Amino acid sequence: MTCGNQVRPFALVICGVPAAGKSTLTAVAASVLGVSLVSSDLVRKELAGLSASDRALPGHYSDSFSRLVYAELGRRAAACAHARSGVIVDATFRRRRDRAAFVGAFGSAAPVLYAECHAPLRVLLGRAERRDGGGAPVSDATAEVVAREHGQWQPLDEIQAGHHVTICTDQAIALAAAELAAA
């Protein structure tokens, strides 16, 4: 976001159920915008004392641990927004309480746009299955987790109009990125 010759700090939250294309869209957006990136997968594993390719344990996805993760995402995103004028946050943000923990720690550091990635369940499951067979991904979300979280998704209805957009991610990444840029 620019204003005259100054760049205003901002936060772009790219969210959605696992396998919705968040990390792919995040990588493109971060490359184009040249801003910092904060990932819940990496923060969760760091807080758990794990390497990026290690599988987190079920306790690392408990409500209390998730609140810690989202609060830390908020703190890191706020620091990045101030230091580098912008930040992209890559996380599901699937529960209101996680979003509240993020907002509580992020405060009013910068304006936030939530870009919710959306794709049909069959696409999500196919992506998760391919990812499971492709080595050691950072994400722990199996096809079973994707199906469960898809059914438990809590809409972002507490987010003000104009601060939330939905991006269709079952299309080519260039088209999804164009949708995001238009937002």
Foldseek 3Di string as FASTA:
>chain_A
DDDVPDQAFEEEEEAAFAQLCQVVLVVVVCVVVVFAEAELLCLLQVVVVHDLLDADDPVSVDPVNLLVSLLVLLQVQLVRSVPPVYYYYRYHCQDPSSVVSNCVNNPPSDQYAYEYRDEDLVSSQVSLCVVVPPHRHSDNDHSVNRVVSVVSGDDPVVDDPVRYDYFYRVDDSVRSNVVVVVD
